[in-house]
PDB file of N, CA and C in Angstrom:
ATOM      1  N   MET A   1      -6.181 111.422 196.689  1.00  0.00           N
ATOM      2  CA  MET A   1      -4.872 111.400 197.354  1.00  0.00           C
ATOM      3  C   MET A   1      -4.129 110.168 196.924  1.00  0.00           C
ATOM      4  N   GLU A   2      -2.801 110.376 196.614  1.00  0.00           N
ATOM      5  CA  GLU A   2      -2.021 109.354 196.185  1.00  0.00           C
ATOM      6  C   GLU A   2      -1.642 108.468 197.374  1.00  0.00           C
ATOM      7  N   SER A   3      -1.453 107.145 196.995  1.00  0.00           N
ATOM      8  CA  SER A   3      -1.098 106.203 198.055  1.00  0.00           C
ATOM      9  C   SER A   3       0.361 106.383 198.361  1.00  0.00           C
ATOM     10  N   SER A   4       0.771 105.735 199.446  1.00  0.00           N
ATOM     11  CA  SER A   4       2.146 105.882 199.977  1.00  0.00           C
ATOM     12  C   SER A   4       3.090 105.077 198.993  1.00  0.00           C
ATOM     13  N   SER A   5       2.603 104.024 198.320  1.00  0.00           N
ATOM     14  CA  SER A   5       3.421 103.309 197.365  1.00  0.00           C
ATOM     15  C   SER A   5       3.734 104.087 196.114  1.00  0.00           C
ATOM     16  N   ASP A   6       2.682 104.967 195.730  1.00  0.00           N
ATOM     17  CA  ASP A   6       2.932 105.877 194.567  1.00  0.00           C
ATOM     18  C   ASP A   6       3.986 106.866 194.877  1.00  0.00           C
ATOM     19  N   ILE A   7       4.005 107.372 196.132  1.00  0.00           N
ATOM     20  CA  ILE A   7       4.952 108.482 196.489  1.00  0.00           C
ATOM     21  C   ILE A   7       6.369 107.771 196.547  1.00  0.00           C
ATOM     22  N   VAL A   8       6.407 106.532 197.101  1.00  0.00           N
ATOM     23  CA  VAL A   8       7.696 105.814 197.167  1.00  0.00           C
ATOM     24  C   VAL A   8       8.193 105.584 195.781  1.00  0.00           C
ATOM     25  N   ASN A   9       7.288 105.199 194.877  1.00  0.00           N
ATOM     26  CA  ASN A   9       7.746 105.001 193.425  1.00  0.00           C
ATOM     27  C   ASN A   9       8.237 106.231 192.753  1.00  0.00           C
ATOM     28  N   LEU A  10       7.647 107.340 193.121  1.00  0.00           N
ATOM     29  CA  LEU A  10       7.988 108.558 192.500  1.00  0.00           C
ATOM     30  C   LEU A  10       9.465 108.958 193.166  1.00  0.00           C
ATOM     31  N   ILE A  11       9.615 108.765 194.392  1.00  0.00           N
ATOM     32  CA  ILE A  11      10.933 109.067 194.963  1.00  0.00           C
ATOM     33  C   ILE A  11      12.070 108.192 194.453  1.00  0.00           C
ATOM     34  N   VAL A  12      11.812 106.956 194.249  1.00  0.00           N
ATOM     35  CA  VAL A  12      12.657 106.024 193.558  1.00  0.00           C
ATOM     36  C   VAL A  12      12.977 106.521 192.170  1.00  0.00           C
ATOM     37  N   ALA A  13      12.018 106.851 191.481  1.00  0.00           N
ATOM     38  CA  ALA A  13      12.184 107.336 190.043  1.00  0.00           C
ATOM     39  C   ALA A  13      13.012 108.500 190.018  1.00  0.00           C
ATOM     40  N   LEU A  14      12.732 109.520 190.900  1.00  0.00           N
ATOM     41  CA  LEU A  14      13.585 110.644 190.985  1.00  0.00           C
ATOM     42  C   LEU A  14      14.971 110.454 191.340  1.00  0.00           C
ATOM     43  N   ALA A  15      15.101 109.487 192.377  1.00  0.00           N
ATOM     44  CA  ALA A  15      16.496 109.146 192.849  1.00  0.00           C
ATOM     45  C   ALA A  15      17.264 108.521 191.685  1.00  0.00           C
ATOM     46  N   THR A  16      16.677 107.812 190.772  1.00  0.00           N
ATOM     47  CA  THR A  16      17.259 107.216 189.671  1.00  0.00           C
ATOM     48  C   THR A  16      17.536 108.216 188.517  1.00  0.00           C
ATOM     49  N   ALA A  17      16.616 109.128 188.290  1.00  0.00           N
ATOM     50  CA  ALA A  17      16.700 110.006 187.191  1.00  0.00           C
ATOM     51  C   ALA A  17      17.736 111.177 187.496  1.00  0.00           C
ATOM     52  N   ILE A  18      17.714 111.620 188.635  1.00  0.00           N
ATOM     53  CA  ILE A  18      18.617 112.930 188.950  1.00  0.00           C
ATOM     54  C   ILE A  18      20.062 112.599 188.672  1.00  0.00           C
ATOM     55  N   PRO A  19      20.590 111.520 189.175  1.00  0.00           N
ATOM     56  CA  PRO A  19      22.070 111.254 188.984  1.00  0.00           C
ATOM     57  C   PRO A  19      22.319 111.072 187.416  1.00  0.00           C
ATOM     58  N   ALA A  20      21.461 110.421 186.721  1.00  0.00           N
ATOM     59  CA  ALA A  20      21.630 110.308 185.283  1.00  0.00           C
ATOM     60  C   ALA A  20      21.583 111.712 184.544  1.00  0.00           C
ATOM     61  N   LEU A  21      20.741 112.595 185.109  1.00  0.00           N
ATOM     62  CA  LEU A  21      20.611 113.881 184.443  1.00  0.00           C
ATOM     63  C   LEU A  21      21.877 114.702 184.799  1.00  0.00           C
ATOM     64  N   ILE A  22      22.411 114.554 186.014  1.00  0.00           N
ATOM     65  CA  ILE A  22      23.629 115.319 186.428  1.00  0.00           C
ATOM     66  C   ILE A  22      24.756 114.761 185.626  1.00  0.00           C
ATOM     67  N   ALA A  23      24.836 113.381 185.357  1.00  0.00           N
ATOM     68  CA  ALA A  23      25.913 112.829 184.616  1.00  0.00           C
ATOM     69  C   ALA A  23      25.800 113.341 183.173  1.00  0.00           C
ATOM     70  N   GLY A  24      24.606 113.438 182.667  1.00  0.00           N
ATOM     71  CA  GLY A  24      24.449 113.951 181.322  1.00  0.00           C
ATOM     72  C   GLY A  24      24.916 115.413 181.196  1.00  0.00           C
ATOM     73  N   ILE A  25      24.644 116.192 182.232  1.00  0.00           N
ATOM     74  CA  ILE A  25      25.054 117.653 182.191  1.00  0.00           C
ATOM     75  C   ILE A  25      26.592 117.702 182.301  1.00  0.00           C
ATOM     76  N   VAL A  26      27.196 116.898 183.111  1.00  0.00           N
ATOM     77  CA  VAL A  26      28.608 116.860 183.257  1.00  0.00           C
ATOM     78  C   VAL A  26      29.273 116.496 181.957  1.00  0.00           C
ATOM     79  N   GLY A  27      28.649 115.424 181.294  1.00  0.00           N
ATOM     80  CA  GLY A  27      29.176 114.953 179.965  1.00  0.00           C
ATOM     81  C   GLY A  27      29.231 116.008 178.986  1.00  0.00           C
ATOM     82  N   ILE A  28      28.130 116.842 178.894  1.00  0.00           N
ATOM     83  CA  ILE A  28      28.027 117.928 177.956  1.00  0.00           C
ATOM     84  C   ILE A  28      29.118 118.974 178.228  1.00  0.00           C
ATOM     85  N   VAL A  29      29.238 119.323 179.562  1.00  0.00           N
ATOM     86  CA  VAL A  29      30.238 120.289 179.935  1.00  0.00           C
ATOM     87  C   VAL A  29      31.657 119.787 179.469  1.00  0.00           C
ATOM     88  N   LYS A  30      31.980 118.548 179.819  1.00  0.00           N
ATOM     89  CA  LYS A  30      33.289 117.891 179.429  1.00  0.00           C
ATOM     90  C   LYS A  30      33.525 118.011 177.889  1.00  0.00           C
ATOM     91  N   ALA A  31      32.462 117.630 177.194  1.00  0.00           N
ATOM     92  CA  ALA A  31      32.555 117.556 175.771  1.00  0.00           C
ATOM     93  C   ALA A  31      32.861 118.943 175.277  1.00  0.00           C
ATOM     94  N   ASN A  32      32.137 119.941 175.819  1.00  0.00           N
ATOM     95  CA  ASN A  32      32.348 121.296 175.323  1.00  0.00           C
ATOM     96  C   ASN A  32      33.742 121.708 175.673  1.00  0.00           C
ATOM     97  N   HIS A  33      34.309 121.389 176.821  1.00  0.00           N
ATOM     98  CA  HIS A  33      35.618 121.758 177.244  1.00  0.00           C
ATOM     99  C   HIS A  33      36.591 121.075 176.318  1.00  0.00           C
ATOM    100  N   ALA A  34      36.402 119.803 175.988  1.00  0.00           N
ATOM    101  CA  ALA A  34      37.337 119.144 175.019  1.00  0.00           C
ATOM    102  C   ALA A  34      37.259 119.767 173.666  1.00  0.00           C
ATOM    103  N   LYS A  35      36.098 120.184 173.225  1.00  0.00           N
ATOM    104  CA  LYS A  35      35.969 120.880 171.971  1.00  0.00           C
ATOM    105  C   LYS A  35      36.836 122.171 171.981  1.00  0.00           C
ATOM    106  N   GLU A  36      36.741 122.924 173.090  1.00  0.00           N
ATOM    107  CA  GLU A  36      37.547 124.124 173.181  1.00  0.00           C
ATOM    108  C   GLU A  36      39.022 123.799 173.163  1.00  0.00           C
ATOM    109  N   MET A  37      39.464 122.721 173.907  1.00  0.00           N
ATOM    110  CA  MET A  37      40.766 122.400 173.922  1.00  0.00           C
ATOM    111  C   MET A  37      41.354 122.044 172.480  1.00  0.00           C
ATOM    112  N   ILE A  38      40.540 121.254 171.803  1.00  0.00           N
ATOM    113  CA  ILE A  38      40.906 120.898 170.443  1.00  0.00           C
ATOM    114  C   ILE A  38      41.100 122.182 169.519  1.00  0.00           C
ATOM    115  N   THR A  39      40.203 123.107 169.693  1.00  0.00           N
ATOM    116  CA  THR A  39      40.307 124.440 168.894  1.00  0.00           C
ATOM    117  C   THR A  39      41.555 125.083 169.281  1.00  0.00           C
ATOM    118  N   VAL A  40      41.866 125.207 170.541  1.00  0.00           N
ATOM    119  CA  VAL A  40      43.142 125.775 170.927  1.00  0.00           C
ATOM    120  C   VAL A  40      44.386 125.019 170.390  1.00  0.00           C
ATOM    121  N   LEU A  41      44.381 123.819 170.470  1.00  0.00           N
ATOM    122  CA  LEU A  41      45.402 122.930 169.924  1.00  0.00           C
ATOM    123  C   LEU A  41      45.622 123.110 168.459  1.00  0.00           C
ATOM    124  N   GLN A  42      44.481 123.260 167.775  1.00  0.00           N
ATOM    125  CA  GLN A  42      44.509 123.499 166.291  1.00  0.00           C
ATOM    126  C   GLN A  42      45.138 124.858 165.982  1.00  0.00           C
ATOM    127  N   GLN A  43      44.773 125.830 166.778  1.00  0.00           N
ATOM    128  CA  GLN A  43      45.266 127.182 166.540  1.00  0.00           C
ATOM    129  C   GLN A  43      46.735 127.211 166.837  1.00  0.00           C
ATOM    130  N   THR A  44      47.202 126.494 167.910  1.00  0.00           N
ATOM    131  CA  THR A  44      48.555 126.484 168.272  1.00  0.00           C
ATOM    132  C   THR A  44      49.356 125.697 167.143  1.00  0.00           C
ATOM    133  N   ASN A  45      48.859 124.630 166.631  1.00  0.00           N
ATOM    134  CA  ASN A  45      49.459 123.983 165.552  1.00  0.00           C
ATOM    135  C   ASN A  45      49.661 124.774 164.335  1.00  0.00           C
ATOM    136  N   THR A  46      48.546 125.533 164.025  1.00  0.00           N
ATOM    137  CA  THR A  46      48.668 126.362 162.839  1.00  0.00           C
ATOM    138  C   THR A  46      49.762 127.453 163.060  1.00  0.00           C
ATOM    139  N   GLN A  47      49.790 127.977 164.198  1.00  0.00           N
ATOM    140  CA  GLN A  47      50.805 129.080 164.573  1.00  0.00           C
ATOM    141  C   GLN A  47      52.252 128.385 164.326  1.00  0.00           C
ATOM    142  N   ALA A  48      52.385 127.200 164.884  1.00  0.00           N
ATOM    143  CA  ALA A  48      53.638 126.518 164.812  1.00  0.00           C
ATOM    144  C   ALA A  48      54.061 126.229 163.390  1.00  0.00           C
ATOM    145  N   VAL A  49      53.047 125.791 162.532  1.00  0.00           N
ATOM    146  CA  VAL A  49      53.315 125.596 161.139  1.00  0.00           C
ATOM    147  C   VAL A  49      53.759 126.871 160.490  1.00  0.00           C
ATOM    148  N   ASN A  50      53.031 127.925 160.785  1.00  0.00           N
ATOM    149  CA  ASN A  50      53.433 129.260 160.125  1.00  0.00           C
ATOM    150  C   ASN A  50      54.852 129.678 160.453  1.00  0.00           C
ATOM    151  N   VAL A  51      55.192 129.525 161.751  1.00  0.00           N
ATOM    152  CA  VAL A  51      56.534 129.931 162.267  1.00  0.00           C
ATOM    153  C   VAL A  51      57.538 128.920 161.546  1.00  0.00           C
ATOM    154  N   ASN A  52      57.254 127.681 161.474  1.00  0.00           N
ATOM    155  CA  ASN A  52      58.176 126.742 160.809  1.00  0.00           C
ATOM    156  C   ASN A  52      58.378 127.084 159.328  1.00  0.00           C
ATOM    157  N   GLN A  53      57.346 127.527 158.661  1.00  0.00           N
ATOM    158  CA  GLN A  53      57.436 127.879 157.268  1.00  0.00           C
ATOM    159  C   GLN A  53      58.302 129.124 157.076  1.00  0.00           C
ATOM    160  N   GLN A  54      58.258 129.938 157.991  1.00  0.00           N
ATOM    161  CA  GLN A  54      59.099 131.204 158.067  1.00  0.00           C
ATOM    162  C   GLN A  54      60.561 130.925 158.326  1.00  0.00           C
ATOM    163  N   ILE A  55      60.837 129.941 159.278  1.00  0.00           N
ATOM    164  CA  ILE A  55      62.194 129.617 159.614  1.00  0.00           C
ATOM    165  C   ILE A  55      62.917 128.755 158.632  1.00  0.00           C
ATOM    166  N   THR A  56      62.155 127.758 158.017  1.00  0.00           N
ATOM    167  CA  THR A  56      62.749 126.771 157.122  1.00  0.00           C
ATOM    168  C   THR A  56      63.632 127.346 156.063  1.00  0.00           C
ATOM    169  N   PRO A  57      63.028 128.363 155.259  1.00  0.00           N
ATOM    170  CA  PRO A  57      63.882 128.905 154.170  1.00  0.00           C
ATOM    171  C   PRO A  57      65.085 129.588 154.765  1.00  0.00           C
ATOM    172  N   ASP A  58      65.047 130.286 155.917  1.00  0.00           N
ATOM    173  CA  ASP A  58      66.249 130.957 156.417  1.00  0.00           C
ATOM    174  C   ASP A  58      67.280 129.873 156.811  1.00  0.00           C
ATOM    175  N   THR A  59      66.881 128.796 157.352  1.00  0.00           N
ATOM    176  CA  THR A  59      67.766 127.653 157.782  1.00  0.00           C
ATOM    177  C   THR A  59      68.394 127.045 156.471  1.00  0.00           C
ATOM    178  N   GLN A  60      67.579 126.859 155.523  1.00  0.00           N
ATOM    179  CA  GLN A  60      68.095 126.166 154.228  1.00  0.00           C
ATOM    180  C   GLN A  60      69.139 127.163 153.650  1.00  0.00           C
ATOM    181  N   GLN A  61      68.864 128.483 153.670  1.00  0.00           N
ATOM    182  CA  GLN A  61      69.750 129.377 153.103  1.00  0.00           C
ATOM    183  C   GLN A  61      71.060 129.333 153.923  1.00  0.00           C
ATOM    184  N   ARG A  62      70.983 129.376 155.201  1.00  0.00           N
ATOM    185  CA  ARG A  62      72.147 129.384 156.077  1.00  0.00           C
ATOM    186  C   ARG A  62      72.999 128.114 155.778  1.00  0.00           C
ATOM    187  N   ARG A  63      72.349 127.036 155.608  1.00  0.00           N
ATOM    188  CA  ARG A  63      73.024 125.740 155.432  1.00  0.00           C
ATOM    189  C   ARG A  63      73.850 125.815 154.062  1.00  0.00           C
ATOM    190  N   LYS A  64      73.106 126.403 153.059  1.00  0.00           N
ATOM    191  CA  LYS A  64      73.843 126.470 151.760  1.00  0.00           C
ATOM    192  C   LYS A  64      75.115 127.404 151.992  1.00  0.00           C
ATOM    193  N   GLU A  65      74.946 128.532 152.651  1.00  0.00           N
ATOM    194  CA  GLU A  65      76.080 129.429 152.903  1.00  0.00           C
ATOM    195  C   GLU A  65      77.210 128.824 153.695  1.00  0.00           C
ATOM    196  N   GLU A  66      76.885 127.908 154.585  1.00  0.00           N
ATOM    197  CA  GLU A  66      77.877 127.246 155.380  1.00  0.00           C
ATOM    198  C   GLU A  66      78.588 126.183 154.609  1.00  0.00           C
ATOM    199  N   SER A  67      77.971 125.537 153.678  1.00  0.00           N
ATOM    200  CA  SER A  67      78.618 124.444 152.970  1.00  0.00           C
ATOM    201  C   SER A  67      79.375 124.859 151.782  1.00  0.00           C
TER     202      SER A  67
END
């Protein structure tokens, strides 16, 4: 049979480890969310660049015609 001090030590160890474990899981979730957001921003930027590349020649042509 374990002594009461062993049980107390076990409870203290668990009380210390569980918040660290939860913080680690939260950190992983946040990192994954940040990674998803970066991917979305990269896709949005790519779309914006593509649209800009389509608009720029039209704008340049219009400016030539106006001048």
